[in-house]
Amino acid sequence: DDLVAEEIYTSIVNSMPTHAPIVIQS
């Protein structure tokens, strides 16, 4: 859901340390 995606991106992706690996896939 668009609102959920924005919330997750803001609350967790943007708070991750720069050295921590993130994979987004779809």
Full PDB file with SEQRES, HELIX, SHEET, SSBOND, CRYST1, ORIGX, SCALE, CONECT and MASTER records, all heavy atoms in Angstrom:
SEQRES   1 A   26  ASP ASP LEU VAL ALA GLU GLU ILE TYR THR SER ILE VAL          
SEQRES   2 A   26  ASN SER MET PRO THR HIS ALA PRO ILE VAL ILE GLN SER          
HELIX    1 AA1 ASP A    2  ILE A    8  1                                   7    
HELIX    2 AA2 TYR A    9  VAL A   13  3                                   5    
CRYST1    1.000    1.000    1.000  90.00  90.00  90.00 P 1           1          
ORIGX1      1.000000  0.000000  0.000000        0.00000                         
ORIGX2      0.000000  1.000000  0.000000        0.00000                         
ORIGX3      0.000000  0.000000  1.000000        0.00000                         
SCALE1      1.000000  0.000000  0.000000        0.00000                         
SCALE2      0.000000  1.000000  0.000000        0.00000                         
SCALE3      0.000000  0.000000  1.000000        0.00000                         
ATOM      1  N   ASP A   1       0.844  -1.181   0.000  1.00  0.00           N  
ATOM      2  CA  ASP A   1       0.000   0.000   0.000  1.00  0.00           C  
ATOM      3  C   ASP A   1       0.889   1.244   0.000  1.00  0.00           C  
ATOM      4  O   ASP A   1       1.923   1.282   0.679  1.00  0.00           O  
ATOM      5  CB  ASP A   1      -0.886  -0.014   1.246  1.00  0.00           C  
ATOM      6  CG  ASP A   1      -1.711   1.241   1.386  1.00  0.00           C  
ATOM      7  OD1 ASP A   1      -2.784   1.309   0.783  1.00  0.00           O  
ATOM      8  OD2 ASP A   1      -1.246   2.148   2.116  1.00  0.00           O  
ATOM      9  N   ASP A   2       0.508   2.264  -0.766  1.00  0.00           N  
ATOM     10  CA  ASP A   2       1.365   3.440  -0.932  1.00  0.00           C  
ATOM     11  C   ASP A   2       1.713   4.109   0.397  1.00  0.00           C  
ATOM     12  O   ASP A   2       2.869   4.487   0.624  1.00  0.00           O  
ATOM     13  CB  ASP A   2       0.696   4.459  -1.854  1.00  0.00           C  
ATOM     14  CG  ASP A   2       0.668   4.013  -3.305  1.00  0.00           C  
ATOM     15  OD1 ASP A   2       1.427   3.096  -3.657  1.00  0.00           O  
ATOM     16  OD2 ASP A   2      -0.130   4.583  -4.078  1.00  0.00           O  
ATOM     17  N   LEU A   3       0.727   4.260   1.271  1.00  0.00           N  
ATOM     18  CA  LEU A   3       0.990   4.911   2.552  1.00  0.00           C  
ATOM     19  C   LEU A   3       1.923   4.068   3.420  1.00  0.00           C  
ATOM     20  O   LEU A   3       2.807   4.592   4.104  1.00  0.00           O  
ATOM     21  CB  LEU A   3      -0.327   5.180   3.286  1.00  0.00           C  
ATOM     22  CG  LEU A   3      -1.237   6.249   2.666  1.00  0.00           C  
ATOM     23  CD1 LEU A   3      -2.532   6.342   3.456  1.00  0.00           C  
ATOM     24  CD2 LEU A   3      -0.537   7.591   2.605  1.00  0.00           C  
ATOM     25  N   VAL A   4       1.722   2.751   3.392  1.00  0.00           N  
ATOM     26  CA  VAL A   4       2.582   1.856   4.165  1.00  0.00           C  
ATOM     27  C   VAL A   4       4.008   1.901   3.633  1.00  0.00           C  
ATOM     28  O   VAL A   4       4.976   1.955   4.396  1.00  0.00           O  
ATOM     29  CB  VAL A   4       2.030   0.421   4.136  1.00  0.00           C  
ATOM     30  CG1 VAL A   4       3.007  -0.540   4.801  1.00  0.00           C  
ATOM     31  CG2 VAL A   4       0.683   0.358   4.821  1.00  0.00           C  
ATOM     32  N   ALA A   5       4.143   1.890   2.315  1.00  0.00           N  
ATOM     33  CA  ALA A   5       5.473   1.936   1.709  1.00  0.00           C  
ATOM     34  C   ALA A   5       6.215   3.208   2.113  1.00  0.00           C  
ATOM     35  O   ALA A   5       7.404   3.174   2.461  1.00  0.00           O  
ATOM     36  CB  ALA A   5       5.356   1.845   0.190  1.00  0.00           C  
ATOM     37  N   GLU A   6       5.531   4.339   2.072  1.00  0.00           N  
ATOM     38  CA  GLU A   6       6.169   5.603   2.463  1.00  0.00           C  
ATOM     39  C   GLU A   6       6.560   5.580   3.932  1.00  0.00           C  
ATOM     40  O   GLU A   6       7.642   6.048   4.318  1.00  0.00           O  
ATOM     41  CB  GLU A   6       5.223   6.773   2.186  1.00  0.00           C  
ATOM     42  CG  GLU A   6       5.048   7.100   0.720  1.00  0.00           C  
ATOM     43  CD  GLU A   6       6.270   7.775   0.107  1.00  0.00           C  
ATOM     44  OE1 GLU A   6       7.203   8.127   0.861  1.00  0.00           O  
ATOM     45  OE2 GLU A   6       6.284   7.920  -1.116  1.00  0.00           O  
ATOM     46  N   GLU A   7       5.681   5.029   4.775  1.00  0.00           N  
ATOM     47  CA  GLU A   7       5.964   4.977   6.212  1.00  0.00           C  
ATOM     48  C   GLU A   7       7.163   4.088   6.503  1.00  0.00           C  
ATOM     49  O   GLU A   7       8.045   4.438   7.298  1.00  0.00           O  
ATOM     50  CB  GLU A   7       4.735   4.483   6.963  1.00  0.00           C  
ATOM     51  CG  GLU A   7       4.905   4.400   8.480  1.00  0.00           C  
ATOM     52  CD  GLU A   7       4.957   5.767   9.129  1.00  0.00           C  
ATOM     53  OE1 GLU A   7       4.644   6.765   8.468  1.00  0.00           O  
ATOM     54  OE2 GLU A   7       5.323   5.818  10.315  1.00  0.00           O  
ATOM     55  N   ILE A   8       7.211   2.918   5.864  1.00  0.00           N  
ATOM     56  CA  ILE A   8       8.340   2.007   6.074  1.00  0.00           C  
ATOM     57  C   ILE A   8       9.638   2.639   5.576  1.00  0.00           C  
ATOM     58  O   ILE A   8      10.676   2.565   6.241  1.00  0.00           O  
ATOM     59  CB  ILE A   8       8.082   0.664   5.379  1.00  0.00           C  
ATOM     60  CG1 ILE A   8       6.999  -0.115   6.125  1.00  0.00           C  
ATOM     61  CG2 ILE A   8       9.355  -0.171   5.282  1.00  0.00           C  
ATOM     62  CD1 ILE A   8       6.570  -1.392   5.440  1.00  0.00           C  
ATOM     63  N   TYR A   9       9.568   3.263   4.425  1.00  0.00           N  
ATOM     64  CA  TYR A   9      10.773   3.896   3.868  1.00  0.00           C  
ATOM     65  C   TYR A   9      11.282   4.988   4.800  1.00  0.00           C  
ATOM     66  O   TYR A   9      12.489   5.102   5.046  1.00  0.00           O  
ATOM     67  CB  TYR A   9      10.456   4.478   2.493  1.00  0.00           C  
ATOM     68  CG  TYR A   9      11.681   4.737   1.647  1.00  0.00           C  
ATOM     69  CD1 TYR A   9      12.160   3.782   0.766  1.00  0.00           C  
ATOM     70  CD2 TYR A   9      12.362   5.951   1.738  1.00  0.00           C  
ATOM     71  CE1 TYR A   9      13.290   4.012  -0.004  1.00  0.00           C  
ATOM     72  CE2 TYR A   9      13.490   6.197   0.978  1.00  0.00           C  
ATOM     73  CZ  TYR A   9      13.950   5.228   0.102  1.00  0.00           C  
ATOM     74  OH  TYR A   9      15.077   5.464  -0.654  1.00  0.00           O  
ATOM     75  N   THR A  10      10.358   5.778   5.333  1.00  0.00           N  
ATOM     76  CA  THR A  10      10.754   6.870   6.216  1.00  0.00           C  
ATOM     77  C   THR A  10      11.237   6.358   7.566  1.00  0.00           C  
ATOM     78  O   THR A  10      12.271   6.802   8.084  1.00  0.00           O  
ATOM     79  CB  THR A  10       9.570   7.833   6.431  1.00  0.00           C  
ATOM     80  OG1 THR A  10       9.170   8.375   5.169  1.00  0.00           O  
ATOM     81  CG2 THR A  10       9.952   8.954   7.376  1.00  0.00           C  
ATOM     82  N   SER A  11      10.522   5.385   8.135  1.00  0.00           N  
ATOM     83  CA  SER A  11      10.789   5.001   9.516  1.00  0.00           C  
ATOM     84  C   SER A  11      11.953   4.046   9.671  1.00  0.00           C  
ATOM     85  O   SER A  11      12.622   4.054  10.704  1.00  0.00           O  
ATOM     86  CB  SER A  11       9.535   4.361  10.132  1.00  0.00           C  
ATOM     87  OG  SER A  11       9.217   3.157   9.466  1.00  0.00           O  
ATOM     88  N   ILE A  12      12.229   3.220   8.648  1.00  0.00           N  
ATOM     89  CA  ILE A  12      13.296   2.248   8.824  1.00  0.00           C  
ATOM     90  C   ILE A  12      14.414   2.409   7.807  1.00  0.00           C  
ATOM     91  O   ILE A  12      15.592   2.440   8.171  1.00  0.00           O  
ATOM     92  CB  ILE A  12      12.752   0.807   8.820  1.00  0.00           C  
ATOM     93  CG1 ILE A  12      13.879  -0.183   9.153  1.00  0.00           C  
ATOM     94  CG2 ILE A  12      12.084   0.442   7.526  1.00  0.00           C  
ATOM     95  CD1 ILE A  12      13.382  -1.564   9.486  1.00  0.00           C  
ATOM     96  N   VAL A  13      14.077   2.555   6.518  1.00  0.00           N  
ATOM     97  CA  VAL A  13      15.136   2.660   5.510  1.00  0.00           C  
ATOM     98  C   VAL A  13      15.994   3.896   5.762  1.00  0.00           C  
ATOM     99  O   VAL A  13      17.230   3.827   5.770  1.00  0.00           O  
ATOM    100  CB  VAL A  13      14.537   2.689   4.091  1.00  0.00           C  
ATOM    101  CG1 VAL A  13      15.622   2.972   3.056  1.00  0.00           C  
ATOM    102  CG2 VAL A  13      13.850   1.370   3.777  1.00  0.00           C  
ATOM    103  N   ASN A  14      15.358   5.022   5.982  1.00  0.00           N  
ATOM    104  CA  ASN A  14      16.108   6.266   6.175  1.00  0.00           C  
ATOM    105  C   ASN A  14      16.841   6.324   7.508  1.00  0.00           C  
ATOM    106  O   ASN A  14      17.691   7.198   7.702  1.00  0.00           O  
ATOM    107  CB  ASN A  14      15.178   7.471   6.051  1.00  0.00           C  
ATOM    108  CG  ASN A  14      14.780   7.749   4.616  1.00  0.00           C  
ATOM    109  OD1 ASN A  14      15.436   7.303   3.685  1.00  0.00           O  
ATOM    110  ND2 ASN A  14      13.699   8.493   4.427  1.00  0.00           N  
ATOM    111  N   SER A  15      16.513   5.405   8.430  1.00  0.00           N  
ATOM    112  CA  SER A  15      17.199   5.408   9.726  1.00  0.00           C  
ATOM    113  C   SER A  15      18.340   4.401   9.794  1.00  0.00           C  
ATOM    114  O   SER A  15      19.035   4.329  10.810  1.00  0.00           O  
ATOM    115  CB  SER A  15      16.191   5.105  10.840  1.00  0.00           C  
ATOM    116  OG  SER A  15      15.708   3.775  10.740  1.00  0.00           O  
ATOM    117  N   MET A  16      18.532   3.631   8.721  1.00  0.00           N  
ATOM    118  CA  MET A  16      19.593   2.624   8.730  1.00  0.00           C  
ATOM    119  C   MET A  16      20.965   3.276   8.624  1.00  0.00           C  
ATOM    120  O   MET A  16      21.155   4.237   7.876  1.00  0.00           O  
ATOM    121  CB  MET A  16      19.407   1.655   7.568  1.00  0.00           C  
ATOM    122  CG  MET A  16      18.185   0.774   7.668  1.00  0.00           C  
ATOM    123  SD  MET A  16      18.426  -0.665   8.717  1.00  0.00           S  
ATOM    124  CE  MET A  16      19.472  -1.691   7.674  1.00  0.00           C  
ATOM    125  N   PRO A  17      21.974   2.765   9.357  1.00  0.00           N  
ATOM    126  CA  PRO A  17      23.336   3.271   9.202  1.00  0.00           C  
ATOM    127  C   PRO A  17      23.824   3.074   7.775  1.00  0.00           C  
ATOM    128  O   PRO A  17      23.401   2.143   7.079  1.00  0.00           O  
ATOM    129  CB  PRO A  17      24.142   2.408  10.187  1.00  0.00           C  
ATOM    130  CG  PRO A  17      23.137   1.844  11.130  1.00  0.00           C  
ATOM    131  CD  PRO A  17      21.862   1.699  10.362  1.00  0.00           C  
ATOM    132  N   THR A  18      24.708   3.935   7.337  1.00  0.00           N  
ATOM    133  CA  THR A  18      25.174   3.873   5.946  1.00  0.00           C  
ATOM    134  C   THR A  18      25.949   2.602   5.641  1.00  0.00           C  
ATOM    135  O   THR A  18      26.053   2.204   4.483  1.00  0.00           O  
ATOM    136  CB  THR A  18      26.050   5.087   5.627  1.00  0.00           C  
ATOM    137  OG1 THR A  18      27.161   5.129   6.551  1.00  0.00           O  
ATOM    138  CG2 THR A  18      25.254   6.379   5.732  1.00  0.00           C  
ATOM    139  N   HIS A  19      26.496   1.934   6.665  1.00  0.00           N  
ATOM    140  CA  HIS A  19      27.260   0.709   6.426  1.00  0.00           C  
ATOM    141  C   HIS A  19      26.385  -0.538   6.444  1.00  0.00           C  
ATOM    142  O   HIS A  19      26.856  -1.630   6.133  1.00  0.00           O  
ATOM    143  CB  HIS A  19      28.360   0.557   7.488  1.00  0.00           C  
ATOM    144  CG  HIS A  19      27.804   0.379   8.878  1.00  0.00           C  
ATOM    145  ND1 HIS A  19      27.510   1.445   9.696  1.00  0.00           N  
ATOM    146  CD2 HIS A  19      27.473  -0.740   9.578  1.00  0.00           C  
ATOM    147  CE1 HIS A  19      27.034   0.991  10.841  1.00  0.00           C  
ATOM    148  NE2 HIS A  19      26.993  -0.333  10.804  1.00  0.00           N  
ATOM    149  N   ALA A  20      25.107  -0.403   6.804  1.00  0.00           N  
ATOM    150  CA  ALA A  20      24.226  -1.560   6.929  1.00  0.00           C  
ATOM    151  C   ALA A  20      23.581  -1.869   5.583  1.00  0.00           C  
ATOM    152  O   ALA A  20      22.962  -0.996   4.971  1.00  0.00           O  
ATOM    153  CB  ALA A  20      23.155  -1.296   7.982  1.00  0.00           C  
ATOM    154  N   PRO A  21      23.711  -3.092   5.095  1.00  0.00           N  
ATOM    155  CA  PRO A  21      23.157  -3.419   3.776  1.00  0.00           C  
ATOM    156  C   PRO A  21      21.633  -3.450   3.770  1.00  0.00           C  
ATOM    157  O   PRO A  21      21.002  -3.943   4.706  1.00  0.00           O  
ATOM    158  CB  PRO A  21      23.740  -4.801   3.472  1.00  0.00           C  
ATOM    159  CG  PRO A  21      24.091  -5.376   4.801  1.00  0.00           C  
ATOM    160  CD  PRO A  21      24.453  -4.222   5.677  1.00  0.00           C  
ATOM    161  N   ILE A  22      21.070  -2.917   2.698  1.00  0.00           N  
ATOM    162  CA  ILE A  22      19.630  -2.942   2.475  1.00  0.00           C  
ATOM    163  C   ILE A  22      19.368  -3.473   1.070  1.00  0.00           C  
ATOM    164  O   ILE A  22      20.018  -3.047   0.116  1.00  0.00           O  
ATOM    165  CB  ILE A  22      18.985  -1.552   2.608  1.00  0.00           C  
ATOM    166  CG1 ILE A  22      19.316  -0.901   3.957  1.00  0.00           C  
ATOM    167  CG2 ILE A  22      17.472  -1.645   2.435  1.00  0.00           C  
ATOM    168  CD1 ILE A  22      18.800   0.517   4.074  1.00  0.00           C  
ATOM    169  N   VAL A  23      18.414  -4.380   0.963  1.00  0.00           N  
ATOM    170  CA  VAL A  23      17.948  -4.860  -0.332  1.00  0.00           C  
ATOM    171  C   VAL A  23      16.459  -4.572  -0.429  1.00  0.00           C  
ATOM    172  O   VAL A  23      15.676  -4.985   0.440  1.00  0.00           O  
ATOM    173  CB  VAL A  23      18.198  -6.373  -0.517  1.00  0.00           C  
ATOM    174  CG1 VAL A  23      17.602  -6.850  -1.848  1.00  0.00           C  
ATOM    175  CG2 VAL A  23      19.689  -6.692  -0.456  1.00  0.00           C  
ATOM    176  N   ILE A  24      16.081  -3.843  -1.455  1.00  0.00           N  
ATOM    177  CA  ILE A  24      14.678  -3.670  -1.811  1.00  0.00           C  
ATOM    178  C   ILE A  24      14.477  -4.381  -3.132  1.00  0.00           C  
ATOM    179  O   ILE A  24      15.230  -4.153  -4.082  1.00  0.00           O  
ATOM    180  CB  ILE A  24      14.289  -2.187  -1.932  1.00  0.00           C  
ATOM    181  CG1 ILE A  24      14.369  -1.483  -0.574  1.00  0.00           C  
ATOM    182  CG2 ILE A  24      12.893  -2.038  -2.514  1.00  0.00           C  
ATOM    183  CD1 ILE A  24      14.074   0.010  -0.642  1.00  0.00           C  
ATOM    184  N   GLN A  25      13.492  -5.245  -3.210  1.00  0.00           N  
ATOM    185  CA  GLN A  25      13.280  -5.985  -4.447  1.00  0.00           C  
ATOM    186  C   GLN A  25      11.798  -6.180  -4.698  1.00  0.00           C  
ATOM    187  O   GLN A  25      10.986  -6.181  -3.773  1.00  0.00           O  
ATOM    188  CB  GLN A  25      13.979  -7.336  -4.398  1.00  0.00           C  
ATOM    189  CG  GLN A  25      13.472  -8.273  -3.322  1.00  0.00           C  
ATOM    190  CD  GLN A  25      14.299  -9.543  -3.223  1.00  0.00           C  
ATOM    191  OE1 GLN A  25      15.482  -9.563  -3.537  1.00  0.00           O  
ATOM    192  NE2 GLN A  25      13.675 -10.627  -2.799  1.00  0.00           N  
ATOM    193  N   SER A  26      11.462  -6.361  -5.987  1.00  0.00           N  
ATOM    194  CA  SER A  26      10.059  -6.576  -6.309  1.00  0.00           C  
ATOM    195  C   SER A  26       9.899  -7.005  -7.758  1.00  0.00           C  
ATOM    196  O   SER A  26      10.722  -6.671  -8.617  1.00  0.00           O  
ATOM    197  CB  SER A  26       9.247  -5.290  -6.083  1.00  0.00           C  
ATOM    198  OG  SER A  26       7.856  -5.552  -6.193  1.00  0.00           O  
TER     199      SER A  26                                                      
MASTER        0    0    0    2    0    0    0    6  198    1    0    2          
END                                                                             
